[in-house]
């Protein structure tokens, strides 16, 4: 067996020199070929699939770039589509990596700027007039939220009173039919409670209209403006972060590499400055329109609230009805805003 192996190893490879002449195998070379043979046997038994092997194009000693996968021989079209898919996936991965890298750098700069401002070591861009208007908006929103909460509570309490008056009127009506000796007295009280209930429903419609309008103003219009303000404040922080970075680079040593970094910092600074100026303009415009809209809406709603309350407690049913007509308020009975059992399913 050993002789057979040695004979196979001896005939497996014949070295050829550069002139094309066969060389003479030494004893060490023969032993090396025997080891190579056993390695070859191991590869053939447990090695990779032939589909995964490669063929070397070109002559002996050619460059590594000449290696061609054997799978390309079976189907070049599948290989081309696979390569294109792989290139697309690689491009998406690179794009995501760049995005994460930019996000990390931006987050670092903004965090550094935020702590510098908080501890008094950094400067920040300040627009005193605009920031004063923003503070007034936040304070106004807080006050209007209090009005909204109290008006909602008033609606809830008044609804309970109207429902109690309605139940009381129904009870008086029933007792007037069952008590002949007190029929007139129960009848008068039943009519009074029904009238109060009717006027209460009209006042509830006016208060609900007031609450709905204030809720839209506070939780939609003002909130939308404050969201733009939040974007503006974040952009201001980014702008100051890149401004500080540019100032630090400008104060440092200026060699060729430093000039490249300064140029890149100047480019980033200009981008964030334009973004800051654009959002600053958006905030100023929204604040202006918000103020105009607030005055218009609240003028109408406060007048409605006053006239409806005054007419109700004065017992002037005609004036109360005229108030609802004047402000286009639809009369809704108590509990009509609740969804039906079918809508709840």
C-alpha atoms as a PDB file:
ATOM      1  CA  UNK A   1       0.000   0.000   0.000  1.00  0.00           C
ATOM      2  CA  UNK A   2       2.797   2.381   0.910  1.00  0.00           C
ATOM      3  CA  UNK A   3       4.617   1.550  -2.342  1.00  0.00           C
ATOM      4  CA  UNK A   4       1.424   2.277  -4.295  1.00  0.00           C
ATOM      5  CA  UNK A   5       1.003   5.623  -2.617  1.00  0.00           C
ATOM      6  CA  UNK A   6       4.635   6.511  -3.180  1.00  0.00           C
ATOM      7  CA  UNK A   7       4.358   5.580  -6.842  1.00  0.00           C
ATOM      8  CA  UNK A   8       1.225   7.758  -7.255  1.00  0.00           C
ATOM      9  CA  UNK A   9       2.911  10.616  -5.469  1.00  0.00           C
ATOM     10  CA  UNK A  10       5.941  10.295  -7.684  1.00  0.00           C
ATOM     11  CA  UNK A  11       3.851  10.493 -10.871  1.00  0.00           C
ATOM     12  CA  UNK A  12       1.413  13.174  -9.610  1.00  0.00           C
ATOM     13  CA  UNK A  13       3.517  16.250 -10.422  1.00  0.00           C
ATOM     14  CA  UNK A  14       6.667  16.703 -12.461  1.00  0.00           C
ATOM     15  CA  UNK A  15       8.446  20.028 -11.849  1.00  0.00           C
ATOM     16  CA  UNK A  16       9.401  21.990 -14.945  1.00  0.00           C
ATOM     17  CA  UNK A  17      11.907  24.786 -14.898  1.00  0.00           C
ATOM     18  CA  UNK A  18      11.681  28.023 -16.793  1.00  0.00           C
ATOM     19  CA  UNK A  19      13.386  26.484 -19.844  1.00  0.00           C
ATOM     20  CA  UNK A  20      10.853  23.693 -20.105  1.00  0.00           C
ATOM     21  CA  UNK A  21      13.283  21.006 -18.851  1.00  0.00           C
ATOM     22  CA  UNK A  22      12.274  18.485 -16.277  1.00  0.00           C
ATOM     23  CA  UNK A  23      14.075  18.693 -12.990  1.00  0.00           C
ATOM     24  CA  UNK A  24      15.231  15.948 -10.672  1.00  0.00           C
ATOM     25  CA  UNK A  25      13.165  15.182  -7.597  1.00  0.00           C
ATOM     26  CA  UNK A  26      15.016  15.074  -4.360  1.00  0.00           C
ATOM     27  CA  UNK A  27      14.004  12.965  -1.374  1.00  0.00           C
ATOM     28  CA  UNK A  28      12.542  15.966   0.405  1.00  0.00           C
ATOM     29  CA  UNK A  29      10.522  16.823  -2.672  1.00  0.00           C
ATOM     30  CA  UNK A  30       9.104  13.298  -2.785  1.00  0.00           C
ATOM     31  CA  UNK A  31       8.047  13.462   0.858  1.00  0.00           C
ATOM     32  CA  UNK A  32       6.447  16.838   0.221  1.00  0.00           C
ATOM     33  CA  UNK A  33       4.462  15.379  -2.672  1.00  0.00           C
ATOM     34  CA  UNK A  34       3.249  12.519  -0.486  1.00  0.00           C
ATOM     35  CA  UNK A  35       1.912  14.996   2.036  1.00  0.00           C
ATOM     36  CA  UNK A  36       0.284  16.951  -0.796  1.00  0.00           C
ATOM     37  CA  UNK A  37      -1.378  13.767  -1.988  1.00  0.00           C
ATOM     38  CA  UNK A  38      -2.930  13.060   1.408  1.00  0.00           C
ATOM     39  CA  UNK A  39      -4.130  16.675   1.542  1.00  0.00           C
ATOM     40  CA  UNK A  40      -5.690  16.238  -1.896  1.00  0.00           C
ATOM     41  CA  UNK A  41      -7.502  13.095  -0.737  1.00  0.00           C
ATOM     42  CA  UNK A  42      -8.865  14.936   2.279  1.00  0.00           C
ATOM     43  CA  UNK A  43     -10.123  17.813   0.089  1.00  0.00           C
ATOM     44  CA  UNK A  44     -11.881  15.419  -2.282  1.00  0.00           C
ATOM     45  CA  UNK A  45     -13.664  13.665   0.596  1.00  0.00           C
ATOM     46  CA  UNK A  46     -14.699  16.581   2.815  1.00  0.00           C
ATOM     47  CA  UNK A  47     -13.984  19.653   0.683  1.00  0.00           C
ATOM     48  CA  UNK A  48     -16.500  22.159  -0.739  1.00  0.00           C
ATOM     49  CA  UNK A  49     -18.941  21.503  -3.548  1.00  0.00           C
ATOM     50  CA  UNK A  50     -17.443  21.702  -7.003  1.00  0.00           C
ATOM     51  CA  UNK A  51     -19.928  24.452  -7.753  1.00  0.00           C
ATOM     52  CA  UNK A  52     -18.014  26.612  -5.268  1.00  0.00           C
ATOM     53  CA  UNK A  53     -14.526  25.937  -6.687  1.00  0.00           C
ATOM     54  CA  UNK A  54     -12.673  28.258  -9.017  1.00  0.00           C
ATOM     55  CA  UNK A  55     -10.789  27.948 -12.266  1.00  0.00           C
ATOM     56  CA  UNK A  56      -7.663  29.994 -12.872  1.00  0.00           C
ATOM     57  CA  UNK A  57      -7.681  31.754 -16.199  1.00  0.00           C
ATOM     58  CA  UNK A  58      -4.383  32.529 -17.817  1.00  0.00           C
ATOM     59  CA  UNK A  59      -1.060  30.772 -17.644  1.00  0.00           C
ATOM     60  CA  UNK A  60       0.926  29.370 -14.793  1.00  0.00           C
ATOM     61  CA  UNK A  61       1.684  31.945 -12.137  1.00  0.00           C
ATOM     62  CA  UNK A  62      -1.002  34.320 -13.420  1.00  0.00           C
ATOM     63  CA  UNK A  63      -2.496  37.065 -11.220  1.00  0.00           C
ATOM     64  CA  UNK A  64      -5.168  36.325  -8.659  1.00  0.00           C
ATOM     65  CA  UNK A  65      -7.590  38.447 -10.649  1.00  0.00           C
ATOM     66  CA  UNK A  66      -7.785  35.656 -13.193  1.00  0.00           C
ATOM     67  CA  UNK A  67      -9.773  33.370 -10.872  1.00  0.00           C
ATOM     68  CA  UNK A  68     -13.240  32.645 -12.302  1.00  0.00           C
ATOM     69  CA  UNK A  69     -15.939  30.929 -10.210  1.00  0.00           C
ATOM     70  CA  UNK A  70     -17.131  27.705 -11.837  1.00  0.00           C
ATOM     71  CA  UNK A  71     -20.725  28.629 -11.058  1.00  0.00           C
ATOM     72  CA  UNK A  72     -20.472  31.306 -13.751  1.00  0.00           C
ATOM     73  CA  UNK A  73     -19.957  28.585 -16.343  1.00  0.00           C
ATOM     74  CA  UNK A  74     -23.412  27.094 -15.622  1.00  0.00           C
ATOM     75  CA  UNK A  75     -25.387  30.289 -15.962  1.00  0.00           C
ATOM     76  CA  UNK A  76     -23.965  33.713 -16.678  1.00  0.00           C
ATOM     77  CA  UNK A  77     -27.428  35.308 -16.693  1.00  0.00           C
ATOM     78  CA  UNK A  78     -28.139  34.155 -13.149  1.00  0.00           C
ATOM     79  CA  UNK A  79     -24.735  35.391 -12.113  1.00  0.00           C
ATOM     80  CA  UNK A  80     -25.316  38.817 -13.638  1.00  0.00           C
ATOM     81  CA  UNK A  81     -28.675  39.205 -11.902  1.00  0.00           C
ATOM     82  CA  UNK A  82     -27.145  37.997  -8.641  1.00  0.00           C
ATOM     83  CA  UNK A  83     -24.308  40.496  -8.981  1.00  0.00           C
ATOM     84  CA  UNK A  84     -26.710  43.361  -9.669  1.00  0.00           C
ATOM     85  CA  UNK A  85     -28.799  42.418  -6.625  1.00  0.00           C
ATOM     86  CA  UNK A  86     -25.656  42.207  -4.542  1.00  0.00           C
ATOM     87  CA  UNK A  87     -24.505  45.616  -5.756  1.00  0.00           C
ATOM     88  CA  UNK A  88     -27.876  47.144  -4.906  1.00  0.00           C
ATOM     89  CA  UNK A  89     -27.782  45.603  -1.431  1.00  0.00           C
ATOM     90  CA  UNK A  90     -24.243  46.820  -0.929  1.00  0.00           C
ATOM     91  CA  UNK A  91     -25.240  50.320  -2.048  1.00  0.00           C
ATOM     92  CA  UNK A  92     -28.166  50.397   0.388  1.00  0.00           C
ATOM     93  CA  UNK A  93     -25.905  49.216   3.205  1.00  0.00           C
ATOM     94  CA  UNK A  94     -23.328  51.904   2.436  1.00  0.00           C
ATOM     95  CA  UNK A  95     -26.052  54.558   2.297  1.00  0.00           C
ATOM     96  CA  UNK A  96     -27.422  53.475   5.675  1.00  0.00           C
ATOM     97  CA  UNK A  97     -23.920  53.469   7.144  1.00  0.00           C
ATOM     98  CA  UNK A  98     -23.320  57.006   5.895  1.00  0.00           C
ATOM     99  CA  UNK A  99     -26.659  58.101   7.318  1.00  0.00           C
ATOM    100  CA  UNK A 100     -25.849  56.616  10.732  1.00  0.00           C
ATOM    101  CA  UNK A 101     -22.417  58.225  10.624  1.00  0.00           C
ATOM    102  CA  UNK A 102     -23.851  61.669   9.843  1.00  0.00           C
ATOM    103  CA  UNK A 103     -26.495  61.238  12.543  1.00  0.00           C
ATOM    104  CA  UNK A 104     -23.841  60.308  15.097  1.00  0.00           C
ATOM    105  CA  UNK A 105     -21.667  63.305  14.245  1.00  0.00           C
ATOM    106  CA  UNK A 106     -24.636  65.673  14.334  1.00  0.00           C
ATOM    107  CA  UNK A 107     -25.855  64.257  17.664  1.00  0.00           C
ATOM    108  CA  UNK A 108     -22.390  64.605  19.179  1.00  0.00           C
ATOM    109  CA  UNK A 109     -22.043  68.219  18.057  1.00  0.00           C
ATOM    110  CA  UNK A 110     -25.529  69.171  19.298  1.00  0.00           C
ATOM    111  CA  UNK A 111     -25.022  67.446  22.646  1.00  0.00           C
ATOM    112  CA  UNK A 112     -21.704  69.209  23.093  1.00  0.00           C
ATOM    113  CA  UNK A 113     -23.314  72.555  22.261  1.00  0.00           C
ATOM    114  CA  UNK A 114     -26.239  71.917  24.616  1.00  0.00           C
ATOM    115  CA  UNK A 115     -23.951  71.165  27.574  1.00  0.00           C
ATOM    116  CA  UNK A 116     -21.727  74.129  26.708  1.00  0.00           C
ATOM    117  CA  UNK A 117     -24.733  76.450  26.824  1.00  0.00           C
ATOM    118  CA  UNK A 118     -26.063  74.869  30.010  1.00  0.00           C
ATOM    119  CA  UNK A 119     -22.772  75.297  31.876  1.00  0.00           C
ATOM    120  CA  UNK A 120     -22.118  78.779  30.506  1.00  0.00           C
ATOM    121  CA  UNK A 121     -19.110  77.877  28.367  1.00  0.00           C
ATOM    122  CA  UNK A 122     -20.706  78.330  24.966  1.00  0.00           C
ATOM    123  CA  UNK A 123     -22.551  81.084  23.134  1.00  0.00           C
ATOM    124  CA  UNK A 124     -25.990  80.809  21.570  1.00  0.00           C
ATOM    125  CA  UNK A 125     -27.875  82.734  18.925  1.00  0.00           C
ATOM    126  CA  UNK A 126     -30.616  84.845  20.514  1.00  0.00           C
ATOM    127  CA  UNK A 127     -33.542  86.604  18.865  1.00  0.00           C
ATOM    128  CA  UNK A 128     -35.016  88.562  21.771  1.00  0.00           C
ATOM    129  CA  UNK A 129     -38.157  89.707  19.980  1.00  0.00           C
ATOM    130  CA  UNK A 130     -39.028  86.270  18.624  1.00  0.00           C
ATOM    131  CA  UNK A 131     -38.303  84.465  21.889  1.00  0.00           C
ATOM    132  CA  UNK A 132     -40.494  86.956  23.758  1.00  0.00           C
ATOM    133  CA  UNK A 133     -43.369  86.166  21.376  1.00  0.00           C
ATOM    134  CA  UNK A 134     -42.806  82.429  21.893  1.00  0.00           C
ATOM    135  CA  UNK A 135     -42.908  82.860  25.677  1.00  0.00           C
ATOM    136  CA  UNK A 136     -46.172  84.804  25.364  1.00  0.00           C
ATOM    137  CA  UNK A 137     -47.624  82.021  23.205  1.00  0.00           C
ATOM    138  CA  UNK A 138     -46.730  79.334  25.745  1.00  0.00           C
ATOM    139  CA  UNK A 139     -48.206  81.385  28.582  1.00  0.00           C
ATOM    140  CA  UNK A 140     -51.363  82.094  26.564  1.00  0.00           C
ATOM    141  CA  UNK A 141     -51.772  78.421  25.771  1.00  0.00           C
ATOM    142  CA  UNK A 142     -51.526  77.538  29.466  1.00  0.00           C
ATOM    143  CA  UNK A 143     -54.208  80.107  30.335  1.00  0.00           C
ATOM    144  CA  UNK A 144     -56.490  78.907  27.562  1.00  0.00           C
ATOM    145  CA  UNK A 145     -56.065  75.324  28.740  1.00  0.00           C
ATOM    146  CA  UNK A 146     -57.348  76.450  32.148  1.00  0.00           C
ATOM    147  CA  UNK A 147     -60.374  78.095  30.480  1.00  0.00           C
ATOM    148  CA  UNK A 148     -60.975  74.927  28.478  1.00  0.00           C
ATOM    149  CA  UNK A 149     -60.785  72.719  31.563  1.00  0.00           C
ATOM    150  CA  UNK A 150     -63.136  74.933  33.582  1.00  0.00           C
ATOM    151  CA  UNK A 151     -65.624  75.301  30.723  1.00  0.00           C
ATOM    152  CA  UNK A 152     -65.641  71.520  30.275  1.00  0.00           C
ATOM    153  CA  UNK A 153     -66.315  71.081  33.988  1.00  0.00           C
ATOM    154  CA  UNK A 154     -69.123  73.657  33.787  1.00  0.00           C
ATOM    155  CA  UNK A 155     -70.667  71.713  30.915  1.00  0.00           C
ATOM    156  CA  UNK A 156     -70.515  68.483  32.867  1.00  0.00           C
ATOM    157  CA  UNK A 157     -72.088  69.987  35.993  1.00  0.00           C
ATOM    158  CA  UNK A 158     -74.747  71.872  34.063  1.00  0.00           C
ATOM    159  CA  UNK A 159     -75.627  68.731  32.107  1.00  0.00           C
ATOM    160  CA  UNK A 160     -76.222  66.934  35.387  1.00  0.00           C
ATOM    161  CA  UNK A 161     -78.482  69.755  36.533  1.00  0.00           C
ATOM    162  CA  UNK A 162     -80.495  69.703  33.282  1.00  0.00           C
ATOM    163  CA  UNK A 163     -80.905  65.950  33.501  1.00  0.00           C
ATOM    164  CA  UNK A 164     -82.043  66.316  37.112  1.00  0.00           C
ATOM    165  CA  UNK A 165     -84.565  68.997  36.115  1.00  0.00           C
ATOM    166  CA  UNK A 166     -85.900  66.768  33.364  1.00  0.00           C
ATOM    167  CA  UNK A 167     -86.305  63.829  35.745  1.00  0.00           C
ATOM    168  CA  UNK A 168     -87.917  66.104  38.321  1.00  0.00           C
ATOM    169  CA  UNK A 169     -90.382  67.481  35.752  1.00  0.00           C
ATOM    170  CA  UNK A 170     -91.340  63.955  34.669  1.00  0.00           C
ATOM    171  CA  UNK A 171     -91.942  63.021  38.293  1.00  0.00           C
ATOM    172  CA  UNK A 172     -94.102  66.088  38.900  1.00  0.00           C
ATOM    173  CA  UNK A 173     -96.151  65.255  35.793  1.00  0.00           C
ATOM    174  CA  UNK A 174     -96.726  61.704  36.971  1.00  0.00           C
ATOM    175  CA  UNK A 175     -97.725  62.816  40.461  1.00  0.00           C
ATOM    176  CA  UNK A 176    -100.136  65.423  39.087  1.00  0.00           C
ATOM    177  CA  UNK A 177    -102.028  62.606  37.396  1.00  0.00           C
ATOM    178  CA  UNK A 178    -102.079  60.418  40.485  1.00  0.00           C
ATOM    179  CA  UNK A 179    -102.866  63.135  43.042  1.00  0.00           C
ATOM    180  CA  UNK A 180    -106.108  64.954  42.129  1.00  0.00           C
ATOM    181  CA  UNK A 181    -105.961  67.114  45.233  1.00  0.00           C
ATOM    182  CA  UNK A 182    -102.474  68.459  44.235  1.00  0.00           C
ATOM    183  CA  UNK A 183    -102.871  68.272  40.480  1.00  0.00           C
ATOM    184  CA  UNK A 184    -102.529  72.016  39.861  1.00  0.00           C
ATOM    185  CA  UNK A 185     -99.507  72.429  42.144  1.00  0.00           C
ATOM    186  CA  UNK A 186     -97.641  69.469  40.618  1.00  0.00           C
ATOM    187  CA  UNK A 187     -98.613  70.692  37.164  1.00  0.00           C
ATOM    188  CA  UNK A 188     -97.177  74.180  37.700  1.00  0.00           C
ATOM    189  CA  UNK A 189     -93.886  72.770  38.935  1.00  0.00           C
ATOM    190  CA  UNK A 190     -93.738  70.251  36.103  1.00  0.00           C
ATOM    191  CA  UNK A 191     -94.157  73.015  33.505  1.00  0.00           C
ATOM    192  CA  UNK A 192     -91.510  75.156  35.226  1.00  0.00           C
ATOM    193  CA  UNK A 193     -88.959  72.324  35.282  1.00  0.00           C
ATOM    194  CA  UNK A 194     -89.632  71.476  31.643  1.00  0.00           C
ATOM    195  CA  UNK A 195     -89.122  75.122  30.658  1.00  0.00           C
ATOM    196  CA  UNK A 196     -85.879  75.275  32.643  1.00  0.00           C
ATOM    197  CA  UNK A 197     -84.782  72.030  31.029  1.00  0.00           C
ATOM    198  CA  UNK A 198     -85.482  73.419  27.552  1.00  0.00           C
ATOM    199  CA  UNK A 199     -83.544  76.616  28.252  1.00  0.00           C
ATOM    200  CA  UNK A 200     -80.781  74.532  29.831  1.00  0.00           C
ATOM    201  CA  UNK A 201     -80.462  72.492  26.659  1.00  0.00           C
ATOM    202  CA  UNK A 202     -80.088  75.714  24.672  1.00  0.00           C
ATOM    203  CA  UNK A 203     -77.405  76.981  27.052  1.00  0.00           C
ATOM    204  CA  UNK A 204     -75.621  73.611  26.908  1.00  0.00           C
ATOM    205  CA  UNK A 205     -75.500  73.857  23.127  1.00  0.00           C
ATOM    206  CA  UNK A 206     -73.925  77.307  23.378  1.00  0.00           C
ATOM    207  CA  UNK A 207     -71.365  76.191  25.986  1.00  0.00           C
ATOM    208  CA  UNK A 208     -70.487  73.053  23.986  1.00  0.00           C
ATOM    209  CA  UNK A 209     -69.928  75.204  20.910  1.00  0.00           C
ATOM    210  CA  UNK A 210     -67.677  77.475  22.981  1.00  0.00           C
ATOM    211  CA  UNK A 211     -65.693  74.493  24.341  1.00  0.00           C
ATOM    212  CA  UNK A 212     -65.295  72.951  20.889  1.00  0.00           C
ATOM    213  CA  UNK A 213     -63.970  76.170  19.385  1.00  0.00           C
ATOM    214  CA  UNK A 214     -61.513  76.802  22.224  1.00  0.00           C
ATOM    215  CA  UNK A 215     -60.351  73.176  22.060  1.00  0.00           C
ATOM    216  CA  UNK A 216     -59.611  73.543  18.335  1.00  0.00           C
ATOM    217  CA  UNK A 217     -57.738  76.780  18.956  1.00  0.00           C
ATOM    218  CA  UNK A 218     -55.634  75.352  21.803  1.00  0.00           C
ATOM    219  CA  UNK A 219     -54.979  71.754  20.803  1.00  0.00           C
ATOM    220  CA  UNK A 220     -54.709  72.200  17.041  1.00  0.00           C
ATOM    221  CA  UNK A 221     -53.847  75.748  16.018  1.00  0.00           C
ATOM    222  CA  UNK A 222     -51.588  76.662  18.946  1.00  0.00           C
ATOM    223  CA  UNK A 223     -50.124  73.173  19.133  1.00  0.00           C
ATOM    224  CA  UNK A 224     -49.216  73.259  15.445  1.00  0.00           C
ATOM    225  CA  UNK A 225     -47.417  76.565  15.937  1.00  0.00           C
ATOM    226  CA  UNK A 226     -45.559  75.219  18.971  1.00  0.00           C
ATOM    227  CA  UNK A 227     -44.426  72.194  16.967  1.00  0.00           C
ATOM    228  CA  UNK A 228     -42.892  74.569  14.436  1.00  0.00           C
ATOM    229  CA  UNK A 229     -41.300  76.444  17.337  1.00  0.00           C
ATOM    230  CA  UNK A 230     -39.814  73.166  18.573  1.00  0.00           C
ATOM    231  CA  UNK A 231     -38.297  72.502  15.153  1.00  0.00           C
ATOM    232  CA  UNK A 232     -36.944  76.039  15.145  1.00  0.00           C
ATOM    233  CA  UNK A 233     -35.299  75.583  18.551  1.00  0.00           C
ATOM    234  CA  UNK A 234     -33.693  72.295  17.481  1.00  0.00           C
ATOM    235  CA  UNK A 235     -32.445  73.924  14.297  1.00  0.00           C
ATOM    236  CA  UNK A 236     -31.051  76.826  16.301  1.00  0.00           C
ATOM    237  CA  UNK A 237     -29.096  74.367  18.455  1.00  0.00           C
ATOM    238  CA  UNK A 238     -27.697  72.617  15.365  1.00  0.00           C
ATOM    239  CA  UNK A 239     -26.774  75.953  13.805  1.00  0.00           C
ATOM    240  CA  UNK A 240     -24.909  77.066  16.932  1.00  0.00           C
ATOM    241  CA  UNK A 241     -23.155  73.682  17.161  1.00  0.00           C
ATOM    242  CA  UNK A 242     -21.750  73.968  13.620  1.00  0.00           C
ATOM    243  CA  UNK A 243     -20.988  77.655  14.135  1.00  0.00           C
ATOM    244  CA  UNK A 244     -18.941  76.837  17.240  1.00  0.00           C
ATOM    245  CA  UNK A 245     -17.173  74.047  15.365  1.00  0.00           C
ATOM    246  CA  UNK A 246     -16.225  76.450  12.569  1.00  0.00           C
ATOM    247  CA  UNK A 247     -14.974  79.042  15.064  1.00  0.00           C
ATOM    248  CA  UNK A 248     -12.772  76.461  16.810  1.00  0.00           C
ATOM    249  CA  UNK A 249     -11.244  75.317  13.528  1.00  0.00           C
ATOM    250  CA  UNK A 250     -10.656  78.909  12.415  1.00  0.00           C
ATOM    251  CA  UNK A 251      -8.677  79.633  15.580  1.00  0.00           C
ATOM    252  CA  UNK A 252      -6.419  76.587  15.179  1.00  0.00           C
ATOM    253  CA  UNK A 253      -3.288  75.914  13.119  1.00  0.00           C
ATOM    254  CA  UNK A 254      -3.870  76.271   9.386  1.00  0.00           C
ATOM    255  CA  UNK A 255      -2.087  73.652   7.334  1.00  0.00           C
ATOM    256  CA  UNK A 256      -3.349  71.920   4.208  1.00  0.00           C
ATOM    257  CA  UNK A 257      -5.446  69.364   6.123  1.00  0.00           C
ATOM    258  CA  UNK A 258      -6.809  72.045   8.433  1.00  0.00           C
ATOM    259  CA  UNK A 259      -7.901  74.171   5.482  1.00  0.00           C
ATOM    260  CA  UNK A 260      -9.817  71.228   4.043  1.00  0.00           C
ATOM    261  CA  UNK A 261     -11.598  70.738   7.374  1.00  0.00           C
ATOM    262  CA  UNK A 262     -12.362  74.466   7.596  1.00  0.00           C
ATOM    263  CA  UNK A 263     -13.832  74.433   4.104  1.00  0.00           C
ATOM    264  CA  UNK A 264     -16.063  71.471   4.968  1.00  0.00           C
ATOM    265  CA  UNK A 265     -17.090  73.135   8.242  1.00  0.00           C
ATOM    266  CA  UNK A 266     -17.920  76.340   6.344  1.00  0.00           C
ATOM    267  CA  UNK A 267     -20.141  74.347   3.977  1.00  0.00           C
ATOM    268  CA  UNK A 268     -22.000  72.626   6.856  1.00  0.00           C
ATOM    269  CA  UNK A 269     -22.339  75.951   8.656  1.00  0.00           C
ATOM    270  CA  UNK A 270     -23.951  77.593   5.625  1.00  0.00           C
ATOM    271  CA  UNK A 271     -26.437  74.709   5.224  1.00  0.00           C
ATOM    272  CA  UNK A 272     -27.560  74.900   8.856  1.00  0.00           C
ATOM    273  CA  UNK A 273     -27.671  78.687   8.757  1.00  0.00           C
ATOM    274  CA  UNK A 274     -30.047  78.622   5.779  1.00  0.00           C
ATOM    275  CA  UNK A 275     -32.213  76.052   7.553  1.00  0.00           C
ATOM    276  CA  UNK A 276     -32.256  78.164  10.711  1.00  0.00           C
ATOM    277  CA  UNK A 277     -33.253  81.318   8.833  1.00  0.00           C
ATOM    278  CA  UNK A 278     -36.001  79.471   6.969  1.00  0.00           C
ATOM    279  CA  UNK A 279     -37.562  78.043  10.145  1.00  0.00           C
ATOM    280  CA  UNK A 280     -37.202  81.373  11.904  1.00  0.00           C
ATOM    281  CA  UNK A 281     -39.233  82.969   9.123  1.00  0.00           C
ATOM    282  CA  UNK A 282     -41.839  80.185   9.343  1.00  0.00           C
ATOM    283  CA  UNK A 283     -42.248  80.729  13.085  1.00  0.00           C
ATOM    284  CA  UNK A 284     -42.703  84.468  12.698  1.00  0.00           C
ATOM    285  CA  UNK A 285     -45.366  83.983  10.009  1.00  0.00           C
ATOM    286  CA  UNK A 286     -47.242  81.370  12.041  1.00  0.00           C
ATOM    287  CA  UNK A 287     -47.171  83.542  15.154  1.00  0.00           C
ATOM    288  CA  UNK A 288     -48.627  86.426  13.197  1.00  0.00           C
ATOM    289  CA  UNK A 289     -51.468  84.378  11.720  1.00  0.00           C
ATOM    290  CA  UNK A 290     -52.107  82.664  15.043  1.00  0.00           C
ATOM    291  CA  UNK A 291     -52.575  85.982  16.804  1.00  0.00           C
ATOM    292  CA  UNK A 292     -55.027  87.174  14.156  1.00  0.00           C
ATOM    293  CA  UNK A 293     -56.959  83.916  14.256  1.00  0.00           C
ATOM    294  CA  UNK A 294     -57.024  83.873  18.057  1.00  0.00           C
ATOM    295  CA  UNK A 295     -58.507  87.368  18.258  1.00  0.00           C
ATOM    296  CA  UNK A 296     -61.137  86.552  15.636  1.00  0.00           C
ATOM    297  CA  UNK A 297     -62.194  83.247  17.194  1.00  0.00           C
ATOM    298  CA  UNK A 298     -62.226  84.400  20.808  1.00  0.00           C
ATOM    299  CA  UNK A 299     -64.117  87.606  19.991  1.00  0.00           C
ATOM    300  CA  UNK A 300     -66.969  85.519  18.603  1.00  0.00           C
ATOM    301  CA  UNK A 301     -66.870  82.823  21.285  1.00  0.00           C
ATOM    302  CA  UNK A 302     -66.687  85.190  24.260  1.00  0.00           C
ATOM    303  CA  UNK A 303     -69.627  87.174  22.915  1.00  0.00           C
ATOM    304  CA  UNK A 304     -71.608  83.962  22.471  1.00  0.00           C
ATOM    305  CA  UNK A 305     -70.750  82.769  25.975  1.00  0.00           C
ATOM    306  CA  UNK A 306     -71.734  86.082  27.562  1.00  0.00           C
ATOM    307  CA  UNK A 307     -75.035  86.485  25.710  1.00  0.00           C
ATOM    308  CA  UNK A 308     -76.102  82.891  26.295  1.00  0.00           C
ATOM    309  CA  UNK A 309     -75.298  82.929  30.025  1.00  0.00           C
ATOM    310  CA  UNK A 310     -76.985  86.316  30.518  1.00  0.00           C
ATOM    311  CA  UNK A 311     -80.135  85.311  28.667  1.00  0.00           C
ATOM    312  CA  UNK A 312     -80.459  82.008  30.516  1.00  0.00           C
ATOM    313  CA  UNK A 313     -80.132  83.374  34.020  1.00  0.00           C
ATOM    314  CA  UNK A 314     -82.357  86.355  33.159  1.00  0.00           C
ATOM    315  CA  UNK A 315     -85.032  83.893  32.098  1.00  0.00           C
ATOM    316  CA  UNK A 316     -85.187  85.443  28.648  1.00  0.00           C
ATOM    317  CA  UNK A 317     -85.974  82.474  26.459  1.00  0.00           C
ATOM    318  CA  UNK A 318     -86.434  84.566  23.327  1.00  0.00           C
ATOM    319  CA  UNK A 319     -83.034  86.244  23.657  1.00  0.00           C
ATOM    320  CA  UNK A 320     -81.392  82.872  24.292  1.00  0.00           C
ATOM    321  CA  UNK A 321     -82.885  81.444  21.112  1.00  0.00           C
ATOM    322  CA  UNK A 322     -81.851  84.532  19.152  1.00  0.00           C
ATOM    323  CA  UNK A 323     -78.293  84.122  20.439  1.00  0.00           C
ATOM    324  CA  UNK A 324     -78.133  80.569  19.119  1.00  0.00           C
ATOM    325  CA  UNK A 325     -79.434  81.694  15.738  1.00  0.00           C
ATOM    326  CA  UNK A 326     -76.989  84.626  15.599  1.00  0.00           C
ATOM    327  CA  UNK A 327     -73.961  82.376  16.092  1.00  0.00           C
ATOM    328  CA  UNK A 328     -75.277  79.437  14.044  1.00  0.00           C
ATOM    329  CA  UNK A 329     -75.408  77.098  17.030  1.00  0.00           C
ATOM    330  CA  UNK A 330     -77.518  73.997  16.556  1.00  0.00           C
ATOM    331  CA  UNK A 331     -79.653  72.951  19.467  1.00  0.00           C
ATOM    332  CA  UNK A 332     -78.641  69.529  20.726  1.00  0.00           C
ATOM    333  CA  UNK A 333     -80.450  67.630  23.477  1.00  0.00           C
ATOM    334  CA  UNK A 334     -78.373  66.361  26.409  1.00  0.00           C
ATOM    335  CA  UNK A 335     -76.464  63.187  25.601  1.00  0.00           C
ATOM    336  CA  UNK A 336     -76.754  63.573  21.819  1.00  0.00           C
ATOM    337  CA  UNK A 337     -72.954  63.788  21.483  1.00  0.00           C
ATOM    338  CA  UNK A 338     -72.578  60.254  22.827  1.00  0.00           C
ATOM    339  CA  UNK A 339     -72.232  57.521  20.149  1.00  0.00           C
ATOM    340  CA  UNK A 340     -75.105  55.116  19.681  1.00  0.00           C
ATOM    341  CA  UNK A 341     -74.858  51.499  20.774  1.00  0.00           C
ATOM    342  CA  UNK A 342     -74.376  50.534  17.104  1.00  0.00           C
ATOM    343  CA  UNK A 343     -71.389  52.903  16.725  1.00  0.00           C
ATOM    344  CA  UNK A 344     -69.820  51.528  19.886  1.00  0.00           C
ATOM    345  CA  UNK A 345     -69.859  47.976  18.522  1.00  0.00           C
END
